[in-house]
Amino acid sequence: MIERQEIGQRMSKIVKHNGTVYLCGQVGAGDSVTEQTQDCLARVDALLKQAGSSREQILQAIIWVADMADFAEMNAVWDAWVPEGHAPARACGEAKLARPELKVEVIVTAAYE
């Protein structure tokens, strides 16, 4: 069975199937990469909790940054956020994001019980 939460015309924020939860891409507010990454990851935390999961259960993360020059700044926030011993499989690339002010977007897949 597929369960969708916060369903919109274009996408659902959460899709659960067979022990796996898929989150839609999350962006954050703020002027800096640090602020946007912190806010984005707080949104991921909230959605994971709503889905019955947590950052310890993240299986994979895909991160898009608008400029790879911001890679180290984003990673500083990411590294502090990921629980020790629970680093997921991860990819990071540069991409033109939906709005010019956006600097980072995170897409997460996690397990849930």
PDB file of N, CA and C in Angstrom:
ATOM      1  N   MET A   1       0.835  -1.185   0.000  1.00  0.00           N
ATOM      2  CA  MET A   1       0.000   0.000   0.000  1.00  0.00           C
ATOM      3  C   MET A   1       0.882   1.253   0.000  1.00  0.00           C
ATOM      4  N   ILE A   2       0.485   2.224  -0.778  1.00  0.00           N
ATOM      5  CA  ILE A   2       1.176   3.509  -0.829  1.00  0.00           C
ATOM      6  C   ILE A   2       0.376   4.514  -0.019  1.00  0.00           C
ATOM      7  N   GLU A   3       1.070   5.229   0.874  1.00  0.00           N
ATOM      8  CA  GLU A   3       0.425   6.271   1.688  1.00  0.00           C
ATOM      9  C   GLU A   3       1.065   7.605   1.331  1.00  0.00           C
ATOM     10  N   ARG A   4       0.225   8.574   1.000  1.00  0.00           N
ATOM     11  CA  ARG A   4       0.705   9.919   0.662  1.00  0.00           C
ATOM     12  C   ARG A   4       0.197  10.901   1.718  1.00  0.00           C
ATOM     13  N   GLN A   5       1.080  11.828   2.119  1.00  0.00           N
ATOM     14  CA  GLN A   5       0.705  12.850   3.092  1.00  0.00           C
ATOM     15  C   GLN A   5       0.995  14.224   2.503  1.00  0.00           C
ATOM     16  N   GLU A   6       0.181  15.185   2.891  1.00  0.00           N
ATOM     17  CA  GLU A   6       0.298  16.555   2.397  1.00  0.00           C
ATOM     18  C   GLU A   6       0.324  16.552   0.860  1.00  0.00           C
ATOM     19  N   ILE A   7      -0.771  16.049   0.318  1.00  0.00           N
ATOM     20  CA  ILE A   7      -0.904  15.867  -1.122  1.00  0.00           C
ATOM     21  C   ILE A   7      -1.294  17.186  -1.778  1.00  0.00           C
ATOM     22  N   GLY A   8      -0.558  17.538  -2.808  1.00  0.00           N
ATOM     23  CA  GLY A   8      -0.892  18.713  -3.610  1.00  0.00           C
ATOM     24  C   GLY A   8      -1.135  18.290  -5.045  1.00  0.00           C
ATOM     25  N   GLN A   9      -1.463  19.247  -5.879  1.00  0.00           N
ATOM     26  CA  GLN A   9      -1.688  18.963  -7.294  1.00  0.00           C
ATOM     27  C   GLN A   9      -0.424  18.427  -7.963  1.00  0.00           C
ATOM     28  N   ARG A  10       0.729  19.021  -7.608  1.00  0.00           N
ATOM     29  CA  ARG A  10       1.989  18.688  -8.272  1.00  0.00           C
ATOM     30  C   ARG A  10       2.756  17.584  -7.573  1.00  0.00           C
ATOM     31  N   MET A  11       2.670  17.538  -6.238  1.00  0.00           N
ATOM     32  CA  MET A  11       3.468  16.564  -5.492  1.00  0.00           C
ATOM     33  C   MET A  11       2.902  16.362  -4.105  1.00  0.00           C
ATOM     34  N   SER A  12       3.319  15.274  -3.498  1.00  0.00           N
ATOM     35  CA  SER A  12       3.057  15.017  -2.084  1.00  0.00           C
ATOM     36  C   SER A  12       4.351  15.314  -1.335  1.00  0.00           C
ATOM     37  N   LYS A  13       4.236  15.850  -0.129  1.00  0.00           N
ATOM     38  CA  LYS A  13       5.447  16.119   0.651  1.00  0.00           C
ATOM     39  C   LYS A  13       6.072  14.835   1.181  1.00  0.00           C
ATOM     40  N   ILE A  14       5.215  13.829   1.458  1.00  0.00           N
ATOM     41  CA  ILE A  14       5.678  12.555   1.997  1.00  0.00           C
ATOM     42  C   ILE A  14       4.968  11.425   1.251  1.00  0.00           C
ATOM     43  N   VAL A  15       5.737  10.440   0.817  1.00  0.00           N
ATOM     44  CA  VAL A  15       5.169   9.219   0.254  1.00  0.00           C
ATOM     45  C   VAL A  15       5.811   8.049   0.986  1.00  0.00           C
ATOM     46  N   LYS A  16       4.959   7.157   1.539  1.00  0.00           N
ATOM     47  CA  LYS A  16       5.445   5.998   2.283  1.00  0.00           C
ATOM     48  C   LYS A  16       5.034   4.725   1.553  1.00  0.00           C
ATOM     49  N   HIS A  17       5.990   3.795   1.470  1.00  0.00           N
ATOM     50  CA  HIS A  17       5.690   2.515   0.829  1.00  0.00           C
ATOM     51  C   HIS A  17       6.654   1.457   1.341  1.00  0.00           C
ATOM     52  N   ASN A  18       6.119   0.371   1.844  1.00  0.00           N
ATOM     53  CA  ASN A  18       6.909  -0.810   2.169  1.00  0.00           C
ATOM     54  C   ASN A  18       8.130  -0.509   3.050  1.00  0.00           C
ATOM     55  N   GLY A  19       7.940   0.293   4.084  1.00  0.00           N
ATOM     56  CA  GLY A  19       9.024   0.579   5.023  1.00  0.00           C
ATOM     57  C   GLY A  19       9.962   1.692   4.611  1.00  0.00           C
ATOM     58  N   THR A  20       9.655   2.354   3.496  1.00  0.00           N
ATOM     59  CA  THR A  20      10.505   3.445   3.011  1.00  0.00           C
ATOM     60  C   THR A  20       9.673   4.712   2.889  1.00  0.00           C
ATOM     61  N   VAL A  21      10.251   5.826   3.307  1.00  0.00           N
ATOM     62  CA  VAL A  21       9.596   7.121   3.182  1.00  0.00           C
ATOM     63  C   VAL A  21      10.424   8.001   2.243  1.00  0.00           C
ATOM     64  N   TYR A  22       9.721   8.630   1.324  1.00  0.00           N
ATOM     65  CA  TYR A  22      10.323   9.518   0.333  1.00  0.00           C
ATOM     66  C   TYR A  22       9.823  10.925   0.616  1.00  0.00           C
ATOM     67  N   LEU A  23      10.737  11.856   0.786  1.00  0.00           N
ATOM     68  CA  LEU A  23      10.361  13.247   1.019  1.00  0.00           C
ATOM     69  C   LEU A  23      10.567  14.051  -0.260  1.00  0.00           C
ATOM     70  N   CYS A  24       9.677  15.024  -0.472  1.00  0.00           N
ATOM     71  CA  CYS A  24       9.905  15.927  -1.593  1.00  0.00           C
ATOM     72  C   CYS A  24      11.117  16.798  -1.258  1.00  0.00           C
ATOM     73  N   GLY A  25      11.700  17.416  -2.255  1.00  0.00           N
ATOM     74  CA  GLY A  25      12.867  18.269  -2.046  1.00  0.00           C
ATOM     75  C   GLY A  25      12.547  19.400  -1.080  1.00  0.00           C
ATOM     76  N   GLN A  26      13.482  19.671  -0.180  1.00  0.00           N
ATOM     77  CA  GLN A  26      13.304  20.714   0.823  1.00  0.00           C
ATOM     78  C   GLN A  26      14.312  21.831   0.608  1.00  0.00           C
ATOM     79  N   VAL A  27      13.810  23.052   0.659  1.00  0.00           N
ATOM     80  CA  VAL A  27      14.659  24.236   0.602  1.00  0.00           C
ATOM     81  C   VAL A  27      14.438  25.006   1.898  1.00  0.00           C
ATOM     82  N   GLY A  28      15.300  25.960   2.163  1.00  0.00           N
ATOM     83  CA  GLY A  28      15.187  26.707   3.407  1.00  0.00           C
ATOM     84  C   GLY A  28      15.219  28.200   3.186  1.00  0.00           C
ATOM     85  N   ALA A  29      14.839  28.927   4.226  1.00  0.00           N
ATOM     86  CA  ALA A  29      14.862  30.386   4.206  1.00  0.00           C
ATOM     87  C   ALA A  29      16.196  30.884   4.753  1.00  0.00           C
ATOM     88  N   GLY A  30      16.542  32.102   4.390  1.00  0.00           N
ATOM     89  CA  GLY A  30      17.765  32.729   4.886  1.00  0.00           C
ATOM     90  C   GLY A  30      18.578  33.305   3.751  1.00  0.00           C
ATOM     91  N   ASP A  31      19.543  34.131   4.128  1.00  0.00           N
ATOM     92  CA  ASP A  31      20.376  34.789   3.123  1.00  0.00           C
ATOM     93  C   ASP A  31      21.625  33.988   2.786  1.00  0.00           C
ATOM     94  N   SER A  32      22.135  33.228   3.740  1.00  0.00           N
ATOM     95  CA  SER A  32      23.389  32.502   3.527  1.00  0.00           C
ATOM     96  C   SER A  32      23.134  31.020   3.291  1.00  0.00           C
ATOM     97  N   VAL A  33      24.137  30.334   2.787  1.00  0.00           N
ATOM     98  CA  VAL A  33      24.059  28.885   2.612  1.00  0.00           C
ATOM     99  C   VAL A  33      23.871  28.216   3.963  1.00  0.00           C
ATOM    100  N   THR A  34      24.557  28.704   4.982  1.00  0.00           N
ATOM    101  CA  THR A  34      24.421  28.149   6.328  1.00  0.00           C
ATOM    102  C   THR A  34      22.979  28.248   6.810  1.00  0.00           C
ATOM    103  N   GLU A  35      22.388  29.443   6.713  1.00  0.00           N
ATOM    104  CA  GLU A  35      21.010  29.636   7.176  1.00  0.00           C
ATOM    105  C   GLU A  35      20.033  28.764   6.383  1.00  0.00           C
ATOM    106  N   GLN A  36      20.181  28.744   5.072  1.00  0.00           N
ATOM    107  CA  GLN A  36      19.268  27.949   4.249  1.00  0.00           C
ATOM    108  C   GLN A  36      19.412  26.458   4.533  1.00  0.00           C
ATOM    109  N   THR A  37      20.643  25.997   4.724  1.00  0.00           N
ATOM    110  CA  THR A  37      20.852  24.574   5.009  1.00  0.00           C
ATOM    111  C   THR A  37      20.265  24.212   6.369  1.00  0.00           C
ATOM    112  N   GLN A  38      20.476  25.039   7.373  1.00  0.00           N
ATOM    113  CA  GLN A  38      19.913  24.785   8.698  1.00  0.00           C
ATOM    114  C   GLN A  38      18.394  24.720   8.644  1.00  0.00           C
ATOM    115  N   ASP A  39      17.773  25.659   7.956  1.00  0.00           N
ATOM    116  CA  ASP A  39      16.317  25.685   7.861  1.00  0.00           C
ATOM    117  C   ASP A  39      15.800  24.492   7.060  1.00  0.00           C
ATOM    118  N   CYS A  40      16.472  24.183   5.980  1.00  0.00           N
ATOM    119  CA  CYS A  40      16.109  23.044   5.144  1.00  0.00           C
ATOM    120  C   CYS A  40      16.148  21.753   5.949  1.00  0.00           C
ATOM    121  N   LEU A  41      17.200  21.547   6.719  1.00  0.00           N
ATOM    122  CA  LEU A  41      17.340  20.316   7.500  1.00  0.00           C
ATOM    123  C   LEU A  41      16.331  20.269   8.654  1.00  0.00           C
ATOM    124  N   ALA A  42      15.950  21.418   9.186  1.00  0.00           N
ATOM    125  CA  ALA A  42      14.891  21.456  10.202  1.00  0.00           C
ATOM    126  C   ALA A  42      13.562  21.005   9.580  1.00  0.00           C
ATOM    127  N   ARG A  43      13.328  21.380   8.340  1.00  0.00           N
ATOM    128  CA  ARG A  43      12.116  20.948   7.627  1.00  0.00           C
ATOM    129  C   ARG A  43      12.157  19.439   7.371  1.00  0.00           C
ATOM    130  N   VAL A  44      13.337  18.935   7.021  1.00  0.00           N
ATOM    131  CA  VAL A  44      13.501  17.490   6.839  1.00  0.00           C
ATOM    132  C   VAL A  44      13.189  16.777   8.150  1.00  0.00           C
ATOM    133  N   ASP A  45      13.730  17.267   9.257  1.00  0.00           N
ATOM    134  CA  ASP A  45      13.448  16.678  10.571  1.00  0.00           C
ATOM    135  C   ASP A  45      11.946  16.610  10.837  1.00  0.00           C
ATOM    136  N   ALA A  46      11.240  17.702  10.575  1.00  0.00           N
ATOM    137  CA  ALA A  46       9.803  17.758  10.843  1.00  0.00           C
ATOM    138  C   ALA A  46       9.039  16.753   9.983  1.00  0.00           C
ATOM    139  N   LEU A  47       9.397  16.651   8.703  1.00  0.00           N
ATOM    140  CA  LEU A  47       8.716  15.701   7.820  1.00  0.00           C
ATOM    141  C   LEU A  47       9.027  14.259   8.210  1.00  0.00           C
ATOM    142  N   LEU A  48      10.283  13.998   8.575  1.00  0.00           N
ATOM    143  CA  LEU A  48      10.636  12.647   9.011  1.00  0.00           C
ATOM    144  C   LEU A  48       9.833  12.259  10.248  1.00  0.00           C
ATOM    145  N   LYS A  49       9.718  13.174  11.196  1.00  0.00           N
ATOM    146  CA  LYS A  49       8.944  12.900  12.408  1.00  0.00           C
ATOM    147  C   LYS A  49       7.491  12.619  12.047  1.00  0.00           C
ATOM    148  N   GLN A  50       6.922  13.434  11.176  1.00  0.00           N
ATOM    149  CA  GLN A  50       5.533  13.249  10.737  1.00  0.00           C
ATOM    150  C   GLN A  50       5.342  11.875  10.082  1.00  0.00           C
ATOM    151  N   ALA A  51       6.382  11.408   9.388  1.00  0.00           N
ATOM    152  CA  ALA A  51       6.320  10.129   8.680  1.00  0.00           C
ATOM    153  C   ALA A  51       6.648   8.940   9.578  1.00  0.00           C
ATOM    154  N   GLY A  52       7.005   9.193  10.839  1.00  0.00           N
ATOM    155  CA  GLY A  52       7.363   8.108  11.745  1.00  0.00           C
ATOM    156  C   GLY A  52       8.796   7.645  11.566  1.00  0.00           C
ATOM    157  N   SER A  53       9.661   8.557  11.129  1.00  0.00           N
ATOM    158  CA  SER A  53      11.070   8.235  10.896  1.00  0.00           C
ATOM    159  C   SER A  53      11.939   9.259  11.627  1.00  0.00           C
ATOM    160  N   SER A  54      13.232   9.230  11.343  1.00  0.00           N
ATOM    161  CA  SER A  54      14.163  10.164  11.976  1.00  0.00           C
ATOM    162  C   SER A  54      15.440  10.231  11.150  1.00  0.00           C
ATOM    163  N   ARG A  55      16.286  11.180  11.494  1.00  0.00           N
ATOM    164  CA  ARG A  55      17.545  11.312  10.740  1.00  0.00           C
ATOM    165  C   ARG A  55      18.448  10.095  10.906  1.00  0.00           C
ATOM    166  N   GLU A  56      18.274   9.333  11.990  1.00  0.00           N
ATOM    167  CA  GLU A  56      19.050   8.099  12.155  1.00  0.00           C
ATOM    168  C   GLU A  56      18.633   7.027  11.149  1.00  0.00           C
ATOM    169  N   GLN A  57      17.484   7.195  10.520  1.00  0.00           N
ATOM    170  CA  GLN A  57      16.968   6.204   9.584  1.00  0.00           C
ATOM    171  C   GLN A  57      17.084   6.631   8.117  1.00  0.00           C
ATOM    172  N   ILE A  58      17.782   7.736   7.867  1.00  0.00           N
ATOM    173  CA  ILE A  58      17.941   8.191   6.478  1.00  0.00           C
ATOM    174  C   ILE A  58      18.800   7.189   5.718  1.00  0.00           C
ATOM    175  N   LEU A  59      18.304   6.781   4.577  1.00  0.00           N
ATOM    176  CA  LEU A  59      19.018   5.842   3.715  1.00  0.00           C
ATOM    177  C   LEU A  59      19.861   6.568   2.676  1.00  0.00           C
ATOM    178  N   GLN A  60      19.288   7.607   2.094  1.00  0.00           N
ATOM    179  CA  GLN A  60      19.962   8.330   1.010  1.00  0.00           C
ATOM    180  C   GLN A  60      19.580   9.796   1.050  1.00  0.00           C
ATOM    181  N   ALA A  61      20.526  10.645   0.720  1.00  0.00           N
ATOM    182  CA  ALA A  61      20.269  12.076   0.571  1.00  0.00           C
ATOM    183  C   ALA A  61      20.882  12.544  -0.736  1.00  0.00           C
ATOM    184  N   ILE A  62      20.130  13.349  -1.442  1.00  0.00           N
ATOM    185  CA  ILE A  62      20.635  13.999  -2.654  1.00  0.00           C
ATOM    186  C   ILE A  62      20.577  15.491  -2.375  1.00  0.00           C
ATOM    187  N   ILE A  63      21.703  16.149  -2.546  1.00  0.00           N
ATOM    188  CA  ILE A  63      21.796  17.575  -2.235  1.00  0.00           C
ATOM    189  C   ILE A  63      22.179  18.330  -3.498  1.00  0.00           C
ATOM    190  N   TRP A  64      21.414  19.376  -3.777  1.00  0.00           N
ATOM    191  CA  TRP A  64      21.740  20.273  -4.877  1.00  0.00           C
ATOM    192  C   TRP A  64      22.167  21.607  -4.284  1.00  0.00           C
ATOM    193  N   VAL A  65      23.288  22.132  -4.740  1.00  0.00           N
ATOM    194  CA  VAL A  65      23.705  23.484  -4.371  1.00  0.00           C
ATOM    195  C   VAL A  65      23.736  24.314  -5.644  1.00  0.00           C
ATOM    196  N   ALA A  66      23.373  25.575  -5.519  1.00  0.00           N
ATOM    197  CA  ALA A  66      23.332  26.452  -6.691  1.00  0.00           C
ATOM    198  C   ALA A  66      24.743  26.768  -7.180  1.00  0.00           C
ATOM    199  N   ASP A  67      25.706  26.705  -6.270  1.00  0.00           N
ATOM    200  CA  ASP A  67      27.094  27.019  -6.618  1.00  0.00           C
ATOM    201  C   ASP A  67      28.020  26.109  -5.796  1.00  0.00           C
ATOM    202  N   MET A  68      28.817  25.298  -6.470  1.00  0.00           N
ATOM    203  CA  MET A  68      29.714  24.381  -5.757  1.00  0.00           C
ATOM    204  C   MET A  68      30.734  25.114  -4.894  1.00  0.00           C
ATOM    205  N   ALA A  69      30.879  26.406  -5.076  1.00  0.00           N
ATOM    206  CA  ALA A  69      31.741  27.190  -4.188  1.00  0.00           C
ATOM    207  C   ALA A  69      31.193  27.179  -2.759  1.00  0.00           C
ATOM    208  N   ASP A  70      29.909  26.868  -2.613  1.00  0.00           N
ATOM    209  CA  ASP A  70      29.265  26.805  -1.295  1.00  0.00           C
ATOM    210  C   ASP A  70      29.283  25.412  -0.676  1.00  0.00           C
ATOM    211  N   PHE A  71      29.953  24.463  -1.328  1.00  0.00           N
ATOM    212  CA  PHE A  71      29.976  23.068  -0.892  1.00  0.00           C
ATOM    213  C   PHE A  71      30.481  22.924   0.550  1.00  0.00           C
ATOM    214  N   ALA A  72      31.585  23.544   0.886  1.00  0.00           N
ATOM    215  CA  ALA A  72      32.168  23.415   2.233  1.00  0.00           C
ATOM    216  C   ALA A  72      31.252  24.030   3.291  1.00  0.00           C
ATOM    217  N   GLU A  73      30.636  25.154   2.980  1.00  0.00           N
ATOM    218  CA  GLU A  73      29.742  25.813   3.943  1.00  0.00           C
ATOM    219  C   GLU A  73      28.508  24.941   4.212  1.00  0.00           C
ATOM    220  N   MET A  74      27.945  24.370   3.160  1.00  0.00           N
ATOM    221  CA  MET A  74      26.802  23.470   3.320  1.00  0.00           C
ATOM    222  C   MET A  74      27.217  22.241   4.119  1.00  0.00           C
ATOM    223  N   ASN A  75      28.378  21.670   3.799  1.00  0.00           N
ATOM    224  CA  ASN A  75      28.854  20.469   4.488  1.00  0.00           C
ATOM    225  C   ASN A  75      29.085  20.705   5.972  1.00  0.00           C
ATOM    226  N   ALA A  76      29.492  21.889   6.360  1.00  0.00           N
ATOM    227  CA  ALA A  76      29.707  22.186   7.782  1.00  0.00           C
ATOM    228  C   ALA A  76      28.401  22.017   8.552  1.00  0.00           C
ATOM    229  N   VAL A  77      27.300  22.466   7.972  1.00  0.00           N
ATOM    230  CA  VAL A  77      25.989  22.324   8.610  1.00  0.00           C
ATOM    231  C   VAL A  77      25.556  20.858   8.555  1.00  0.00           C
ATOM    232  N   TRP A  78      25.708  20.242   7.398  1.00  0.00           N
ATOM    233  CA  TRP A  78      25.318  18.837   7.213  1.00  0.00           C
ATOM    234  C   TRP A  78      26.040  17.931   8.204  1.00  0.00           C
ATOM    235  N   ASP A  79      27.363  18.100   8.301  1.00  0.00           N
ATOM    236  CA  ASP A  79      28.169  17.230   9.167  1.00  0.00           C
ATOM    237  C   ASP A  79      27.759  17.341  10.635  1.00  0.00           C
ATOM    238  N   ALA A  80      27.353  18.525  11.073  1.00  0.00           N
ATOM    239  CA  ALA A  80      26.914  18.716  12.450  1.00  0.00           C
ATOM    240  C   ALA A  80      25.514  18.125  12.672  1.00  0.00           C
ATOM    241  N   TRP A  81      24.733  18.013  11.607  1.00  0.00           N
ATOM    242  CA  TRP A  81      23.340  17.548  11.696  1.00  0.00           C
ATOM    243  C   TRP A  81      23.220  16.020  11.662  1.00  0.00           C
ATOM    244  N   VAL A  82      24.064  15.365  10.869  1.00  0.00           N
ATOM    245  CA  VAL A  82      23.971  13.910  10.715  1.00  0.00           C
ATOM    246  C   VAL A  82      24.483  13.238  11.989  1.00  0.00           C
ATOM    247  N   PRO A  83      23.667  12.356  12.590  1.00  0.00           N
ATOM    248  CA  PRO A  83      24.117  11.670  13.802  1.00  0.00           C
ATOM    249  C   PRO A  83      25.328  10.776  13.512  1.00  0.00           C
ATOM    250  N   GLU A  84      26.280  10.792  14.406  1.00  0.00           N
ATOM    251  CA  GLU A  84      27.484   9.978  14.235  1.00  0.00           C
ATOM    252  C   GLU A  84      27.108   8.510  14.055  1.00  0.00           C
ATOM    253  N   GLY A  85      27.698   7.899  13.062  1.00  0.00           N
ATOM    254  CA  GLY A  85      27.439   6.494  12.776  1.00  0.00           C
ATOM    255  C   GLY A  85      26.206   6.251  11.926  1.00  0.00           C
ATOM    256  N   HIS A  86      25.524   7.320  11.505  1.00  0.00           N
ATOM    257  CA  HIS A  86      24.290   7.172  10.728  1.00  0.00           C
ATOM    258  C   HIS A  86      24.341   7.942   9.410  1.00  0.00           C
ATOM    259  N   ALA A  87      25.533   8.161   8.877  1.00  0.00           N
ATOM    260  CA  ALA A  87      25.642   8.888   7.607  1.00  0.00           C
ATOM    261  C   ALA A  87      24.987   8.072   6.487  1.00  0.00           C
ATOM    262  N   PRO A  88      24.084   8.693   5.736  1.00  0.00           N
ATOM    263  CA  PRO A  88      23.420   7.978   4.648  1.00  0.00           C
ATOM    264  C   PRO A  88      24.286   7.941   3.388  1.00  0.00           C
ATOM    265  N   ALA A  89      23.869   7.143   2.422  1.00  0.00           N
ATOM    266  CA  ALA A  89      24.442   7.262   1.092  1.00  0.00           C
ATOM    267  C   ALA A  89      24.075   8.668   0.613  1.00  0.00           C
ATOM    268  N   ARG A  90      25.005   9.349  -0.065  1.00  0.00           N
ATOM    269  CA  ARG A  90      24.741  10.747  -0.396  1.00  0.00           C
ATOM    270  C   ARG A  90      25.379  11.128  -1.713  1.00  0.00           C
ATOM    271  N   ALA A  91      24.706  12.005  -2.430  1.00  0.00           N
ATOM    272  CA  ALA A  91      25.256  12.615  -3.636  1.00  0.00           C
ATOM    273  C   ALA A  91      25.040  14.112  -3.521  1.00  0.00           C
ATOM    274  N   CYS A  92      25.922  14.879  -4.103  1.00  0.00           N
ATOM    275  CA  CYS A  92      25.785  16.334  -4.096  1.00  0.00           C
ATOM    276  C   CYS A  92      26.247  16.863  -5.440  1.00  0.00           C
ATOM    277  N   GLY A  93      25.464  17.746  -6.014  1.00  0.00           N
ATOM    278  CA  GLY A  93      25.828  18.330  -7.295  1.00  0.00           C
ATOM    279  C   GLY A  93      25.363  19.765  -7.386  1.00  0.00           C
ATOM    280  N   GLU A  94      25.826  20.433  -8.405  1.00  0.00           N
ATOM    281  CA  GLU A  94      25.429  21.810  -8.654  1.00  0.00           C
ATOM    282  C   GLU A  94      24.248  21.818  -9.604  1.00  0.00           C
ATOM    283  N   ALA A  95      23.254  22.658  -9.301  1.00  0.00           N
ATOM    284  CA  ALA A  95      22.068  22.740 -10.148  1.00  0.00           C
ATOM    285  C   ALA A  95      21.452  24.127 -10.052  1.00  0.00           C
ATOM    286  N   LYS A  96      20.816  24.540 -11.122  1.00  0.00           N
ATOM    287  CA  LYS A  96      20.031  25.770 -11.086  1.00  0.00           C
ATOM    288  C   LYS A  96      18.741  25.420 -10.362  1.00  0.00           C
ATOM    289  N   LEU A  97      18.486  26.074  -9.227  1.00  0.00           N
ATOM    290  CA  LEU A  97      17.317  25.758  -8.413  1.00  0.00           C
ATOM    291  C   LEU A  97      16.100  26.570  -8.867  1.00  0.00           C
ATOM    292  N   ALA A  98      14.945  26.288  -8.281  1.00  0.00           N
ATOM    293  CA  ALA A  98      13.668  26.829  -8.753  1.00  0.00           C
ATOM    294  C   ALA A  98      13.571  28.354  -8.706  1.00  0.00           C
ATOM    295  N   ARG A  99      14.239  28.970  -7.732  1.00  0.00           N
ATOM    296  CA  ARG A  99      14.219  30.433  -7.615  1.00  0.00           C
ATOM    297  C   ARG A  99      15.659  30.927  -7.428  1.00  0.00           C
ATOM    298  N   PRO A 100      15.992  32.082  -7.950  1.00  0.00           N
ATOM    299  CA  PRO A 100      17.383  32.570  -7.893  1.00  0.00           C
ATOM    300  C   PRO A 100      17.946  32.720  -6.482  1.00  0.00           C
ATOM    301  N   GLU A 101      17.092  32.980  -5.483  1.00  0.00           N
ATOM    302  CA  GLU A 101      17.588  33.181  -4.116  1.00  0.00           C
ATOM    303  C   GLU A 101      17.907  31.872  -3.399  1.00  0.00           C
ATOM    304  N   LEU A 102      17.468  30.752  -3.956  1.00  0.00           N
ATOM    305  CA  LEU A 102      17.741  29.465  -3.330  1.00  0.00           C
ATOM    306  C   LEU A 102      19.173  29.024  -3.558  1.00  0.00           C
ATOM    307  N   LYS A 103      19.797  28.518  -2.488  1.00  0.00           N
ATOM    308  CA  LYS A 103      21.198  28.112  -2.550  1.00  0.00           C
ATOM    309  C   LYS A 103      21.389  26.609  -2.351  1.00  0.00           C
ATOM    310  N   VAL A 104      20.400  25.932  -1.746  1.00  0.00           N
ATOM    311  CA  VAL A 104      20.539  24.503  -1.450  1.00  0.00           C
ATOM    312  C   VAL A 104      19.161  23.832  -1.423  1.00  0.00           C
ATOM    313  N   GLU A 105      19.121  22.582  -1.872  1.00  0.00           N
ATOM    314  CA  GLU A 105      17.908  21.761  -1.798  1.00  0.00           C
ATOM    315  C   GLU A 105      18.335  20.354  -1.413  1.00  0.00           C
ATOM    316  N   VAL A 106      17.585  19.732  -0.510  1.00  0.00           N
ATOM    317  CA  VAL A 106      17.908  18.396  -0.023  1.00  0.00           C
ATOM    318  C   VAL A 106      16.712  17.470  -0.280  1.00  0.00           C
ATOM    319  N   ILE A 107      17.000  16.290  -0.836  1.00  0.00           N
ATOM    320  CA  ILE A 107      15.994  15.264  -1.099  1.00  0.00           C
ATOM    321  C   ILE A 107      16.388  14.037  -0.279  1.00  0.00           C
ATOM    322  N   VAL A 108      15.456  13.534   0.521  1.00  0.00           N
ATOM    323  CA  VAL A 108      15.774  12.466   1.464  1.00  0.00           C
ATOM    324  C   VAL A 108      14.863  11.249   1.262  1.00  0.00           C
ATOM    325  N   THR A 109      15.472  10.076   1.353  1.00  0.00           N
ATOM    326  CA  THR A 109      14.764   8.808   1.419  1.00  0.00           C
ATOM    327  C   THR A 109      15.175   8.141   2.722  1.00  0.00           C
ATOM    328  N   ALA A 110      14.204   7.650   3.475  1.00  0.00           N
ATOM    329  CA  ALA A 110      14.506   7.063   4.787  1.00  0.00           C
ATOM    330  C   ALA A 110      13.657   5.820   5.037  1.00  0.00           C
ATOM    331  N   ALA A 111      14.065   5.062   6.025  1.00  0.00           N
ATOM    332  CA  ALA A 111      13.270   3.924   6.488  1.00  0.00           C
ATOM    333  C   ALA A 111      12.321   4.426   7.566  1.00  0.00           C
ATOM    334  N   TYR A 112      11.239   3.689   7.779  1.00  0.00           N
ATOM    335  CA  TYR A 112      10.342   3.958   8.909  1.00  0.00           C
ATOM    336  C   TYR A 112       9.811   2.634   9.418  1.00  0.00           C
ATOM    337  N   GLU A 113       9.313   2.655  10.629  1.00  0.00           N
ATOM    338  CA  GLU A 113       8.770   1.424  11.216  1.00  0.00           C
ATOM    339  C   GLU A 113       7.306   1.574  11.504  1.00  0.00           C
TER     340      GLU A 113
END
